């Protein structure tokens, strides 16, 4: 499987873990957050510099709070940065973002273990 140029550039710029096939993720949601970030960039919704600045700001805040830097929460911080950038760029408003998060949480809780989480048709 070949990676799009944007993904290769993105992973090398930000130190995302990779193997011979591309980015490596511990959980499916991490891959989805990564892919959404790349896709929004490719769609022209934000620049790499805007993304790097936003992620950097979140990571500095984490450091300033004294949280351990063992890497286990990297994609939690990634998601926080993505949510921040999506609302700052008005891709989604804060209430829209909260509705989508609630819809995903509800779908997750209703999904049997081992099955993919899918939003019902027409959900956020």
N, C-alpha and C. Protein backbone atom coordinates (compact mmCIF):
# COMPACT_ATOMS: atom_id res chain seq x y z
N UNK A 1 0.85 -1.17 0.00
CA UNK A 1 0.00 0.00 0.00
C UNK A 1 0.90 1.24 0.00
N UNK A 2 0.62 2.17 -0.89
CA UNK A 2 1.43 3.37 -0.94
C UNK A 2 0.75 4.50 -0.20
N UNK A 3 1.55 5.34 0.41
CA UNK A 3 1.02 6.48 1.16
C UNK A 3 0.99 7.69 0.26
N UNK A 4 -0.06 8.52 0.40
CA UNK A 4 -0.04 9.79 -0.32
C UNK A 4 1.13 10.63 0.16
N UNK A 5 1.65 11.48 -0.71
CA UNK A 5 2.78 12.33 -0.36
C UNK A 5 2.51 13.14 0.90
N UNK A 6 1.29 13.66 1.04
CA UNK A 6 0.95 14.47 2.20
C UNK A 6 1.11 13.70 3.50
N UNK A 7 0.78 12.42 3.50
CA UNK A 7 0.91 11.61 4.71
C UNK A 7 2.37 11.41 5.04
N UNK A 8 3.18 11.08 4.06
CA UNK A 8 4.61 10.88 4.31
C UNK A 8 5.24 12.15 4.85
N UNK A 9 4.90 13.28 4.26
CA UNK A 9 5.45 14.56 4.72
C UNK A 9 4.96 14.86 6.12
N UNK A 10 3.69 14.62 6.37
CA UNK A 10 3.09 14.92 7.66
C UNK A 10 3.72 14.09 8.77
N UNK A 11 3.89 12.79 8.53
CA UNK A 11 4.44 11.93 9.57
C UNK A 11 5.89 12.27 9.86
N UNK A 12 6.67 12.59 8.84
CA UNK A 12 8.07 12.90 9.11
C UNK A 12 8.21 14.25 9.81
N UNK A 13 7.33 15.21 9.49
CA UNK A 13 7.41 16.53 10.12
C UNK A 13 7.06 16.49 11.60
N UNK A 14 6.12 15.64 11.99
CA UNK A 14 5.62 15.66 13.36
C UNK A 14 6.09 14.51 14.23
N UNK A 15 6.89 13.63 13.69
CA UNK A 15 7.41 12.53 14.50
C UNK A 15 6.37 11.47 14.82
N UNK A 16 5.34 11.33 13.98
CA UNK A 16 4.33 10.30 14.19
C UNK A 16 4.99 8.95 13.98
N UNK A 17 4.72 7.96 14.83
CA UNK A 17 5.35 6.65 14.66
C UNK A 17 4.94 6.00 13.33
N UNK A 18 5.93 5.48 12.61
CA UNK A 18 5.68 4.83 11.33
C UNK A 18 6.45 3.52 11.25
N UNK A 19 5.95 2.62 10.40
CA UNK A 19 6.71 1.44 10.02
C UNK A 19 6.77 1.44 8.50
N UNK A 20 7.13 0.33 7.89
CA UNK A 20 7.28 0.29 6.44
C UNK A 20 5.98 0.58 5.69
N UNK A 21 4.83 0.33 6.33
CA UNK A 21 3.54 0.53 5.67
C UNK A 21 2.91 1.88 5.95
N UNK A 22 3.48 2.66 6.86
CA UNK A 22 2.92 3.97 7.14
C UNK A 22 2.74 4.19 8.63
N UNK A 23 1.87 5.14 8.98
CA UNK A 23 1.66 5.47 10.39
C UNK A 23 1.18 4.27 11.20
N UNK A 24 1.63 4.18 12.45
CA UNK A 24 1.25 3.09 13.35
C UNK A 24 0.40 3.68 14.47
N UNK A 25 -0.70 3.01 14.78
CA UNK A 25 -1.62 3.49 15.80
C UNK A 25 -1.99 2.37 16.75
N UNK A 26 -2.16 2.72 18.02
CA UNK A 26 -2.53 1.73 19.03
C UNK A 26 -4.03 1.44 19.01
N UNK A 27 -4.83 2.40 18.57
CA UNK A 27 -6.29 2.27 18.58
C UNK A 27 -6.84 2.77 17.25
N UNK A 28 -7.96 2.21 16.78
CA UNK A 28 -8.55 2.68 15.52
C UNK A 28 -8.90 4.17 15.52
N UNK A 29 -9.35 4.71 16.65
CA UNK A 29 -9.72 6.12 16.69
C UNK A 29 -8.52 7.02 16.42
N UNK A 30 -7.33 6.56 16.79
CA UNK A 30 -6.13 7.35 16.54
C UNK A 30 -5.89 7.48 15.03
N UNK A 31 -6.06 6.37 14.32
CA UNK A 31 -5.90 6.40 12.86
C UNK A 31 -6.96 7.30 12.23
N UNK A 32 -8.17 7.26 12.77
CA UNK A 32 -9.24 8.09 12.23
C UNK A 32 -8.96 9.57 12.46
N UNK A 33 -8.47 9.91 13.65
CA UNK A 33 -8.13 11.31 13.94
C UNK A 33 -6.99 11.78 13.05
N UNK A 34 -6.02 10.92 12.85
CA UNK A 34 -4.90 11.24 11.97
C UNK A 34 -5.40 11.47 10.54
N UNK A 35 -6.20 10.53 10.04
CA UNK A 35 -6.70 10.62 8.67
C UNK A 35 -7.57 11.86 8.48
N UNK A 36 -8.39 12.17 9.46
CA UNK A 36 -9.25 13.35 9.36
C UNK A 36 -8.40 14.62 9.30
N UNK A 37 -7.34 14.67 10.09
CA UNK A 37 -6.45 15.82 10.07
C UNK A 37 -5.81 15.99 8.69
N UNK A 38 -5.30 14.90 8.14
CA UNK A 38 -4.67 14.96 6.82
C UNK A 38 -5.70 15.38 5.77
N UNK A 39 -6.90 14.81 5.84
CA UNK A 39 -7.93 15.12 4.85
C UNK A 39 -8.37 16.59 4.93
N UNK A 40 -8.54 17.11 6.12
CA UNK A 40 -8.92 18.52 6.26
C UNK A 40 -7.83 19.43 5.70
N UNK A 41 -6.57 19.06 5.94
CA UNK A 41 -5.48 19.84 5.35
C UNK A 41 -5.53 19.77 3.83
N UNK A 42 -5.68 18.56 3.29
CA UNK A 42 -5.72 18.40 1.83
C UNK A 42 -6.89 19.17 1.21
N UNK A 43 -7.97 19.33 1.97
CA UNK A 43 -9.13 20.08 1.49
C UNK A 43 -8.94 21.59 1.63
N UNK A 44 -7.79 22.00 2.15
CA UNK A 44 -7.49 23.42 2.26
C UNK A 44 -8.12 24.11 3.46
N UNK A 45 -8.54 23.32 4.45
CA UNK A 45 -9.21 23.91 5.61
C UNK A 45 -8.22 24.54 6.59
N UNK A 46 -6.96 24.09 6.56
CA UNK A 46 -5.90 24.71 7.35
C UNK A 46 -4.56 24.32 6.74
N UNK A 47 -3.55 25.08 7.07
CA UNK A 47 -2.20 24.82 6.55
C UNK A 47 -1.45 23.91 7.52
N UNK A 48 -0.32 23.37 7.04
CA UNK A 48 0.52 22.56 7.93
C UNK A 48 1.02 23.42 9.09
N UNK A 49 1.36 24.66 8.78
CA UNK A 49 1.86 25.55 9.84
C UNK A 49 0.79 25.79 10.90
N UNK A 50 -0.45 25.99 10.48
CA UNK A 50 -1.54 26.17 11.46
C UNK A 50 -1.70 24.92 12.31
N UNK A 51 -1.63 23.75 11.66
CA UNK A 51 -1.76 22.49 12.41
C UNK A 51 -0.60 22.36 13.41
N UNK A 52 0.61 22.55 12.94
CA UNK A 52 1.78 22.40 13.81
C UNK A 52 1.73 23.39 14.98
N UNK A 53 1.32 24.62 14.71
CA UNK A 53 1.21 25.61 15.78
C UNK A 53 0.17 25.20 16.82
N UNK A 54 -0.97 24.69 16.36
CA UNK A 54 -2.05 24.29 17.27
C UNK A 54 -1.64 23.08 18.09
N UNK A 55 -1.09 22.07 17.44
CA UNK A 55 -0.64 20.89 18.18
C UNK A 55 0.47 21.27 19.16
N UNK A 56 1.39 22.11 18.72
CA UNK A 56 2.47 22.57 19.60
C UNK A 56 1.93 23.30 20.82
N UNK A 57 0.91 24.13 20.62
CA UNK A 57 0.31 24.85 21.75
C UNK A 57 -0.31 23.88 22.75
N UNK A 58 -1.01 22.87 22.25
CA UNK A 58 -1.62 21.88 23.15
C UNK A 58 -0.53 21.14 23.91
N UNK A 59 0.53 20.72 23.23
CA UNK A 59 1.61 19.99 23.90
C UNK A 59 2.33 20.86 24.93
N UNK A 60 2.49 22.15 24.64
CA UNK A 60 3.09 23.05 25.63
C UNK A 60 2.18 23.19 26.86
N UNK A 61 0.88 23.29 26.64
CA UNK A 61 -0.06 23.38 27.77
C UNK A 61 0.01 22.13 28.64
N UNK A 62 0.12 20.98 28.00
CA UNK A 62 0.24 19.72 28.74
C UNK A 62 1.52 19.73 29.58
N UNK A 63 2.61 20.14 28.95
CA UNK A 63 3.89 20.22 29.67
C UNK A 63 3.80 21.21 30.83
N UNK A 64 3.19 22.36 30.57
CA UNK A 64 3.09 23.40 31.60
C UNK A 64 2.22 22.96 32.78
N UNK A 65 1.28 22.06 32.52
CA UNK A 65 0.46 21.50 33.62
C UNK A 65 1.21 20.43 34.40
N UNK A 66 2.38 20.04 33.90
CA UNK A 66 3.18 19.05 34.60
C UNK A 66 2.78 17.61 34.32
N UNK A 67 2.02 17.39 33.25
CA UNK A 67 1.62 16.02 32.91
C UNK A 67 2.83 15.23 32.42
N UNK A 68 2.85 13.95 32.73
CA UNK A 68 3.95 13.07 32.31
C UNK A 68 4.01 13.02 30.79
N UNK A 69 5.22 12.98 30.27
CA UNK A 69 5.43 12.94 28.82
C UNK A 69 5.97 11.57 28.43
N UNK A 70 5.12 10.55 28.60
CA UNK A 70 5.56 9.21 28.24
C UNK A 70 5.05 8.78 26.86
N UNK A 71 4.34 9.67 26.18
CA UNK A 71 3.86 9.40 24.83
C UNK A 71 2.53 8.66 24.77
N UNK A 72 2.06 8.15 25.89
CA UNK A 72 0.84 7.34 25.87
C UNK A 72 -0.43 8.15 25.59
N UNK A 73 -0.35 9.47 25.72
CA UNK A 73 -1.53 10.30 25.48
C UNK A 73 -1.36 11.21 24.27
N UNK A 74 -0.39 10.89 23.42
CA UNK A 74 -0.10 11.74 22.28
C UNK A 74 -1.34 11.99 21.42
N UNK A 75 -2.09 10.93 21.12
CA UNK A 75 -3.25 11.11 20.25
C UNK A 75 -4.43 11.74 20.97
N UNK A 76 -4.47 11.69 22.29
CA UNK A 76 -5.46 12.48 23.03
C UNK A 76 -5.17 13.96 22.80
N UNK A 77 -3.90 14.32 22.85
CA UNK A 77 -3.50 15.70 22.61
C UNK A 77 -3.73 16.08 21.14
N UNK A 78 -3.47 15.14 20.26
CA UNK A 78 -3.72 15.33 18.83
C UNK A 78 -5.19 15.68 18.62
N UNK A 79 -6.07 14.90 19.24
CA UNK A 79 -7.50 15.13 19.10
C UNK A 79 -7.91 16.48 19.69
N UNK A 80 -7.33 16.84 20.82
CA UNK A 80 -7.61 18.16 21.40
C UNK A 80 -7.22 19.28 20.43
N UNK A 81 -6.05 19.12 19.81
CA UNK A 81 -5.60 20.12 18.84
C UNK A 81 -6.53 20.17 17.64
N UNK A 82 -6.97 19.02 17.16
CA UNK A 82 -7.87 18.98 16.02
C UNK A 82 -9.20 19.66 16.36
N UNK A 83 -9.74 19.38 17.53
CA UNK A 83 -10.99 20.02 17.94
C UNK A 83 -10.81 21.53 18.04
N UNK A 84 -9.70 21.95 18.59
CA UNK A 84 -9.42 23.38 18.73
C UNK A 84 -9.34 24.06 17.36
N UNK A 85 -8.63 23.43 16.44
CA UNK A 85 -8.46 24.02 15.11
C UNK A 85 -9.77 24.01 14.32
N UNK A 86 -10.54 22.95 14.44
CA UNK A 86 -11.82 22.85 13.73
C UNK A 86 -12.77 23.95 14.19
N UNK A 87 -12.79 24.26 15.47
CA UNK A 87 -13.67 25.33 15.94
C UNK A 87 -13.07 26.70 15.63
N UNK A 88 -11.77 26.85 15.74
CA UNK A 88 -11.13 28.14 15.44
C UNK A 88 -11.32 28.52 13.97
N UNK A 89 -11.26 27.53 13.09
CA UNK A 89 -11.42 27.78 11.66
C UNK A 89 -12.90 27.75 11.25
N UNK A 90 -13.78 27.59 12.20
CA UNK A 90 -15.23 27.55 11.99
C UNK A 90 -15.66 26.47 11.01
N UNK A 91 -14.94 25.34 11.04
CA UNK A 91 -15.36 24.17 10.28
C UNK A 91 -16.59 23.58 10.95
N UNK A 92 -16.57 23.58 12.26
CA UNK A 92 -17.72 23.25 13.10
C UNK A 92 -17.76 24.25 14.24
N UNK A 93 -18.96 24.61 14.64
CA UNK A 93 -19.10 25.45 15.82
C UNK A 93 -18.96 24.60 17.07
N UNK A 94 -18.70 25.22 18.21
CA UNK A 94 -18.55 24.45 19.45
C UNK A 94 -19.76 23.56 19.76
N UNK A 95 -20.98 24.04 19.53
CA UNK A 95 -22.14 23.21 19.84
C UNK A 95 -22.26 22.06 18.85
N UNK A 96 -21.91 22.28 17.58
CA UNK A 96 -21.91 21.19 16.60
C UNK A 96 -20.90 20.12 16.99
N UNK A 97 -19.73 20.56 17.43
CA UNK A 97 -18.70 19.63 17.85
C UNK A 97 -19.19 18.80 19.04
N UNK A 98 -19.80 19.44 20.00
CA UNK A 98 -20.32 18.72 21.17
C UNK A 98 -21.41 17.73 20.77
N UNK A 99 -22.28 18.10 19.83
CA UNK A 99 -23.32 17.18 19.36
C UNK A 99 -22.71 15.96 18.69
N UNK A 100 -21.68 16.18 17.89
CA UNK A 100 -21.02 15.05 17.22
C UNK A 100 -20.33 14.14 18.23
N UNK A 101 -19.69 14.74 19.21
CA UNK A 101 -19.02 13.93 20.24
C UNK A 101 -20.06 13.10 21.01
N UNK A 102 -21.21 13.71 21.32
CA UNK A 102 -22.26 12.99 22.03
C UNK A 102 -22.82 11.86 21.18
N UNK A 103 -23.01 12.10 19.88
CA UNK A 103 -23.52 11.05 18.99
C UNK A 103 -22.54 9.88 18.90
N UNK A 104 -21.25 10.19 18.83
CA UNK A 104 -20.26 9.12 18.79
C UNK A 104 -20.22 8.36 20.11
N UNK A 105 -20.31 9.06 21.22
CA UNK A 105 -20.31 8.38 22.52
C UNK A 105 -21.51 7.46 22.64
N UNK A 106 -22.66 7.92 22.22
CA UNK A 106 -23.87 7.09 22.27
C UNK A 106 -23.72 5.86 21.37
N UNK A 107 -23.20 6.06 20.17
CA UNK A 107 -23.00 4.94 19.25
C UNK A 107 -21.98 3.95 19.81
N UNK A 108 -20.93 4.47 20.42
CA UNK A 108 -19.90 3.61 21.01
C UNK A 108 -20.50 2.74 22.11
N UNK A 109 -21.29 3.35 22.98
CA UNK A 109 -21.88 2.61 24.10
C UNK A 109 -22.91 1.59 23.63
N UNK A 110 -23.50 1.80 22.46
CA UNK A 110 -24.51 0.88 21.93
C UNK A 110 -23.92 -0.20 21.04
N UNK A 111 -22.62 -0.14 20.79
CA UNK A 111 -21.98 -1.08 19.88
C UNK A 111 -21.43 -2.28 20.64
N UNK A 112 -21.78 -3.50 20.20
CA UNK A 112 -21.23 -4.69 20.86
C UNK A 112 -19.71 -4.73 20.74
N UNK A 113 -19.08 -5.28 21.77
CA UNK A 113 -17.62 -5.39 21.80
C UNK A 113 -17.12 -6.08 20.53
N UNK A 114 -16.09 -5.51 19.94
CA UNK A 114 -15.46 -6.11 18.77
C UNK A 114 -16.08 -5.68 17.45
N UNK A 115 -17.17 -4.96 17.50
CA UNK A 115 -17.83 -4.49 16.28
C UNK A 115 -17.42 -3.05 16.00
N UNK A 116 -17.41 -2.66 14.74
CA UNK A 116 -17.08 -1.26 14.43
C UNK A 116 -18.18 -0.32 14.90
N UNK A 117 -17.79 0.83 15.37
CA UNK A 117 -18.75 1.86 15.80
C UNK A 117 -19.20 2.61 14.56
N UNK A 118 -20.51 2.68 14.38
CA UNK A 118 -21.09 3.35 13.22
C UNK A 118 -22.20 4.27 13.72
N UNK A 119 -22.18 5.50 13.23
CA UNK A 119 -23.26 6.43 13.57
C UNK A 119 -24.51 6.04 12.78
N UNK A 120 -25.68 6.14 13.41
CA UNK A 120 -26.91 5.90 12.68
C UNK A 120 -27.06 6.90 11.54
N UNK A 121 -27.75 6.52 10.53
CA UNK A 121 -28.00 7.41 9.40
C UNK A 121 -28.64 8.71 9.88
N UNK A 122 -28.12 9.83 9.44
CA UNK A 122 -28.66 11.13 9.81
C UNK A 122 -28.11 11.69 11.11
N UNK A 123 -27.28 10.91 11.83
CA UNK A 123 -26.68 11.41 13.06
C UNK A 123 -25.55 12.36 12.70
N UNK A 124 -25.16 13.14 13.69
CA UNK A 124 -24.07 14.11 13.50
C UNK A 124 -22.99 13.47 12.76
